Amino acid sequence: MEAVVRDPETSPLDERHRALFRYLDRVNHESPRLTAEDAAAVRAHGWTDEELWFGITVVALFNFYNRWIDASGVHALSDEAHRAGGRRSARTGYVR
């Protein structure tokens, strides 16, 4: 996981997943410049419209949440609070 987060291109991901991550990175940073051909290139690696939709939705929601939190003045959690949340999710699952 750390290798993927650090650099998907040099990580052990296969080319199919690298293509998806490249596309989603562009969704995150260059969405106004994306074209139908960009999506078609990812589909050529075997990704379906539904799978692309889910990936795009995750990127969009994280952008929304981050901007909302930044602009609304919600204070960031401490490192210890993040670790405690991770332990709780590992113990009880993500959905409560």
N, C-alpha and C. Protein backbone atom coordinates (compact mmCIF):
# COMPACT_ATOMS: atom_id res chain seq x y z
N MET A 1 0.81 -1.18 0.00
CA MET A 1 0.00 0.00 0.00
C MET A 1 0.87 1.25 0.00
N GLU A 2 1.90 1.26 0.84
CA GLU A 2 2.76 2.44 0.90
C GLU A 2 3.41 2.72 -0.45
N ALA A 3 3.82 1.68 -1.16
CA ALA A 3 4.44 1.86 -2.48
C ALA A 3 3.45 2.47 -3.46
N VAL A 4 2.20 2.07 -3.39
CA VAL A 4 1.17 2.61 -4.28
C VAL A 4 0.92 4.07 -3.97
N VAL A 5 0.81 4.40 -2.68
CA VAL A 5 0.57 5.79 -2.29
C VAL A 5 1.77 6.66 -2.66
N ARG A 6 2.95 6.14 -2.47
CA ARG A 6 4.17 6.90 -2.78
C ARG A 6 4.28 7.17 -4.27
N ASP A 7 4.13 6.14 -5.09
CA ASP A 7 4.22 6.30 -6.55
C ASP A 7 3.64 5.08 -7.24
N PRO A 8 2.41 5.19 -7.73
CA PRO A 8 1.79 4.03 -8.39
C PRO A 8 2.60 3.51 -9.58
N GLU A 9 3.33 4.38 -10.23
CA GLU A 9 4.09 3.96 -11.43
C GLU A 9 5.23 3.01 -11.09
N THR A 10 5.82 3.14 -9.92
CA THR A 10 6.94 2.26 -9.55
C THR A 10 6.50 1.19 -8.55
N SER A 11 5.24 1.17 -8.22
CA SER A 11 4.71 0.19 -7.27
C SER A 11 4.53 -1.16 -7.96
N PRO A 12 4.20 -2.20 -7.19
CA PRO A 12 3.98 -3.52 -7.80
C PRO A 12 2.64 -3.67 -8.51
N LEU A 13 1.88 -2.60 -8.68
CA LEU A 13 0.61 -2.70 -9.40
C LEU A 13 0.82 -3.19 -10.83
N ASP A 14 -0.17 -3.91 -11.35
CA ASP A 14 -0.12 -4.27 -12.77
C ASP A 14 -0.53 -3.06 -13.62
N GLU A 15 -0.29 -3.14 -14.93
CA GLU A 15 -0.55 -2.00 -15.81
C GLU A 15 -2.02 -1.60 -15.82
N ARG A 16 -2.91 -2.56 -15.67
CA ARG A 16 -4.34 -2.26 -15.64
C ARG A 16 -4.66 -1.29 -14.50
N HIS A 17 -4.13 -1.58 -13.31
CA HIS A 17 -4.39 -0.72 -12.16
C HIS A 17 -3.62 0.60 -12.26
N ARG A 18 -2.43 0.58 -12.82
CA ARG A 18 -1.69 1.83 -13.03
C ARG A 18 -2.49 2.77 -13.94
N ALA A 19 -3.08 2.22 -14.99
CA ALA A 19 -3.89 3.04 -15.89
C ALA A 19 -5.04 3.69 -15.14
N LEU A 20 -5.68 2.93 -14.25
CA LEU A 20 -6.78 3.48 -13.46
C LEU A 20 -6.28 4.59 -12.55
N PHE A 21 -5.18 4.36 -11.85
CA PHE A 21 -4.66 5.37 -10.93
C PHE A 21 -4.21 6.62 -11.67
N ARG A 22 -3.62 6.46 -12.86
CA ARG A 22 -3.25 7.63 -13.67
C ARG A 22 -4.49 8.45 -14.01
N TYR A 23 -5.55 7.77 -14.43
CA TYR A 23 -6.79 8.44 -14.78
C TYR A 23 -7.37 9.16 -13.57
N LEU A 24 -7.44 8.47 -12.43
CA LEU A 24 -8.02 9.09 -11.23
C LEU A 24 -7.17 10.25 -10.73
N ASP A 25 -5.87 10.18 -10.91
CA ASP A 25 -5.02 11.31 -10.56
C ASP A 25 -5.38 12.52 -11.43
N ARG A 26 -5.64 12.26 -12.71
CA ARG A 26 -6.06 13.35 -13.59
C ARG A 26 -7.44 13.86 -13.21
N VAL A 27 -8.35 12.96 -12.80
CA VAL A 27 -9.66 13.40 -12.30
C VAL A 27 -9.44 14.37 -11.13
N ASN A 28 -8.51 14.04 -10.28
CA ASN A 28 -8.24 14.85 -9.10
C ASN A 28 -7.59 16.19 -9.44
N HIS A 29 -6.69 16.22 -10.39
CA HIS A 29 -5.89 17.43 -10.65
C HIS A 29 -6.19 18.13 -11.97
N GLU A 30 -6.78 17.45 -12.93
CA GLU A 30 -6.96 18.03 -14.26
C GLU A 30 -8.35 17.77 -14.84
N SER A 31 -9.35 17.65 -14.02
CA SER A 31 -10.66 17.22 -14.52
C SER A 31 -11.21 18.07 -15.67
N PRO A 32 -10.98 19.39 -15.71
CA PRO A 32 -11.53 20.14 -16.84
C PRO A 32 -10.93 19.75 -18.20
N ARG A 33 -9.74 19.14 -18.17
CA ARG A 33 -9.07 18.78 -19.42
C ARG A 33 -9.31 17.34 -19.86
N LEU A 34 -10.06 16.57 -19.07
CA LEU A 34 -10.33 15.18 -19.44
C LEU A 34 -11.27 15.13 -20.63
N THR A 35 -11.05 14.12 -21.47
CA THR A 35 -11.89 13.93 -22.65
C THR A 35 -12.47 12.52 -22.65
N ALA A 36 -13.39 12.29 -23.57
CA ALA A 36 -13.96 10.95 -23.73
C ALA A 36 -12.86 9.96 -24.09
N GLU A 37 -11.86 10.41 -24.81
CA GLU A 37 -10.74 9.53 -25.18
C GLU A 37 -9.95 9.08 -23.95
N ASP A 38 -9.84 9.94 -22.95
CA ASP A 38 -9.14 9.56 -21.72
C ASP A 38 -9.86 8.41 -21.02
N ALA A 39 -11.17 8.51 -20.92
CA ALA A 39 -11.95 7.43 -20.31
C ALA A 39 -11.88 6.17 -21.16
N ALA A 40 -11.91 6.33 -22.48
CA ALA A 40 -11.83 5.17 -23.37
C ALA A 40 -10.50 4.43 -23.18
N ALA A 41 -9.43 5.18 -22.95
CA ALA A 41 -8.12 4.55 -22.75
C ALA A 41 -8.12 3.68 -21.49
N VAL A 42 -8.82 4.11 -20.46
CA VAL A 42 -8.90 3.32 -19.23
C VAL A 42 -9.80 2.10 -19.47
N ARG A 43 -10.88 2.31 -20.19
CA ARG A 43 -11.76 1.17 -20.53
C ARG A 43 -11.01 0.13 -21.34
N ALA A 44 -10.06 0.55 -22.15
CA ALA A 44 -9.27 -0.40 -22.96
C ALA A 44 -8.45 -1.34 -22.08
N HIS A 45 -8.26 -0.97 -20.82
CA HIS A 45 -7.56 -1.83 -19.87
C HIS A 45 -8.53 -2.74 -19.12
N GLY A 46 -9.81 -2.71 -19.52
CA GLY A 46 -10.78 -3.63 -18.94
C GLY A 46 -11.68 -3.05 -17.87
N TRP A 47 -11.55 -1.77 -17.58
CA TRP A 47 -12.41 -1.15 -16.57
C TRP A 47 -13.76 -0.82 -17.19
N THR A 48 -14.82 -1.08 -16.42
CA THR A 48 -16.18 -0.80 -16.90
C THR A 48 -16.58 0.63 -16.55
N ASP A 49 -17.64 1.09 -17.18
CA ASP A 49 -18.17 2.42 -16.84
C ASP A 49 -18.53 2.50 -15.37
N GLU A 50 -19.14 1.44 -14.84
CA GLU A 50 -19.53 1.44 -13.43
C GLU A 50 -18.31 1.55 -12.53
N GLU A 51 -17.25 0.81 -12.85
CA GLU A 51 -16.04 0.88 -12.03
C GLU A 51 -15.41 2.27 -12.11
N LEU A 52 -15.39 2.85 -13.29
CA LEU A 52 -14.86 4.22 -13.42
C LEU A 52 -15.72 5.19 -12.61
N TRP A 53 -17.04 5.01 -12.68
CA TRP A 53 -17.94 5.88 -11.94
C TRP A 53 -17.63 5.82 -10.45
N PHE A 54 -17.42 4.61 -9.92
CA PHE A 54 -17.10 4.49 -8.49
C PHE A 54 -15.78 5.20 -8.17
N GLY A 55 -14.75 5.01 -8.99
CA GLY A 55 -13.47 5.68 -8.75
C GLY A 55 -13.60 7.19 -8.81
N ILE A 56 -14.30 7.69 -9.82
CA ILE A 56 -14.50 9.14 -9.95
C ILE A 56 -15.27 9.67 -8.75
N THR A 57 -16.26 8.93 -8.29
CA THR A 57 -17.07 9.35 -7.15
C THR A 57 -16.22 9.44 -5.89
N VAL A 58 -15.35 8.47 -5.66
CA VAL A 58 -14.48 8.51 -4.48
C VAL A 58 -13.59 9.75 -4.53
N VAL A 59 -12.96 10.01 -5.67
CA VAL A 59 -12.10 11.19 -5.81
C VAL A 59 -12.91 12.46 -5.55
N ALA A 60 -14.09 12.56 -6.17
CA ALA A 60 -14.91 13.77 -6.03
C ALA A 60 -15.36 13.98 -4.59
N LEU A 61 -15.78 12.90 -3.92
CA LEU A 61 -16.23 13.04 -2.54
C LEU A 61 -15.10 13.45 -1.61
N PHE A 62 -13.93 12.88 -1.78
CA PHE A 62 -12.80 13.28 -0.93
C PHE A 62 -12.47 14.74 -1.16
N ASN A 63 -12.50 15.20 -2.41
CA ASN A 63 -12.26 16.61 -2.68
C ASN A 63 -13.32 17.47 -2.00
N PHE A 64 -14.59 17.07 -2.11
CA PHE A 64 -15.66 17.81 -1.47
C PHE A 64 -15.45 17.88 0.04
N TYR A 65 -15.23 16.73 0.66
CA TYR A 65 -15.08 16.71 2.11
C TYR A 65 -13.89 17.54 2.57
N ASN A 66 -12.77 17.40 1.88
CA ASN A 66 -11.58 18.16 2.27
C ASN A 66 -11.81 19.66 2.14
N ARG A 67 -12.43 20.09 1.07
CA ARG A 67 -12.69 21.52 0.91
C ARG A 67 -13.71 22.02 1.92
N TRP A 68 -14.73 21.22 2.20
CA TRP A 68 -15.74 21.61 3.18
C TRP A 68 -15.10 21.76 4.56
N ILE A 69 -14.29 20.78 4.93
CA ILE A 69 -13.63 20.82 6.23
C ILE A 69 -12.68 22.01 6.31
N ASP A 70 -11.88 22.24 5.28
CA ASP A 70 -10.95 23.37 5.28
C ASP A 70 -11.70 24.70 5.42
N ALA A 71 -12.77 24.87 4.67
CA ALA A 71 -13.47 26.15 4.64
C ALA A 71 -14.37 26.37 5.85
N SER A 72 -14.82 25.31 6.49
CA SER A 72 -15.76 25.46 7.60
C SER A 72 -15.07 25.62 8.96
N GLY A 73 -13.76 25.46 8.97
CA GLY A 73 -13.03 25.64 10.21
C GLY A 73 -13.01 24.43 11.11
N VAL A 74 -13.41 23.28 10.60
CA VAL A 74 -13.33 22.05 11.40
C VAL A 74 -11.85 21.78 11.68
N HIS A 75 -11.54 21.50 12.91
CA HIS A 75 -10.15 21.28 13.29
C HIS A 75 -9.70 19.87 12.92
N ALA A 76 -8.49 19.77 12.47
CA ALA A 76 -7.92 18.47 12.11
C ALA A 76 -7.76 17.61 13.36
N LEU A 77 -7.91 16.31 13.18
CA LEU A 77 -7.69 15.37 14.27
C LEU A 77 -6.19 15.24 14.54
N SER A 78 -5.86 14.97 15.76
CA SER A 78 -4.46 14.72 16.11
C SER A 78 -4.03 13.38 15.55
N ASP A 79 -2.72 13.17 15.48
CA ASP A 79 -2.21 11.87 15.03
C ASP A 79 -2.73 10.75 15.91
N GLU A 80 -2.80 10.97 17.21
CA GLU A 80 -3.29 9.93 18.12
C GLU A 80 -4.77 9.64 17.85
N ALA A 81 -5.56 10.66 17.56
CA ALA A 81 -6.98 10.43 17.25
C ALA A 81 -7.12 9.60 15.98
N HIS A 82 -6.28 9.86 14.98
CA HIS A 82 -6.30 9.05 13.76
C HIS A 82 -5.92 7.60 14.06
N ARG A 83 -4.89 7.41 14.89
CA ARG A 83 -4.48 6.04 15.24
C ARG A 83 -5.59 5.33 15.99
N ALA A 84 -6.25 6.02 16.92
CA ALA A 84 -7.35 5.41 17.68
C ALA A 84 -8.50 5.04 16.74
N GLY A 85 -8.80 5.90 15.79
CA GLY A 85 -9.85 5.58 14.82
C GLY A 85 -9.49 4.38 13.97
N GLY A 86 -8.22 4.27 13.59
CA GLY A 86 -7.76 3.11 12.83
C GLY A 86 -7.90 1.83 13.62
N ARG A 87 -7.54 1.88 14.90
CA ARG A 87 -7.68 0.69 15.75
C ARG A 87 -9.15 0.31 15.89
N ARG A 88 -10.00 1.31 16.08
CA ARG A 88 -11.46 1.04 16.21
C ARG A 88 -12.01 0.44 14.93
N SER A 89 -11.62 0.98 13.78
CA SER A 89 -12.11 0.41 12.51
C SER A 89 -11.60 -1.00 12.31
N ALA A 90 -10.36 -1.27 12.70
CA ALA A 90 -9.82 -2.64 12.56
C ALA A 90 -10.57 -3.59 13.47
N ARG A 91 -10.99 -3.13 14.63
CA ARG A 91 -11.68 -3.99 15.60
C ARG A 91 -13.15 -4.17 15.25
N THR A 92 -13.84 -3.10 14.83
CA THR A 92 -15.30 -3.16 14.67
C THR A 92 -15.77 -3.02 13.24
N GLY A 93 -14.84 -2.73 12.32
CA GLY A 93 -15.23 -2.50 10.92
C GLY A 93 -15.43 -1.03 10.63
N TYR A 94 -15.53 -0.71 9.37
CA TYR A 94 -15.63 0.68 8.95
C TYR A 94 -17.03 1.24 9.15
N VAL A 95 -18.03 0.41 8.90
CA VAL A 95 -19.42 0.85 9.02
C VAL A 95 -19.90 0.60 10.44
N ARG A 96 -20.51 1.59 11.03
CA ARG A 96 -21.01 1.42 12.41
C ARG A 96 -22.49 1.30 12.41
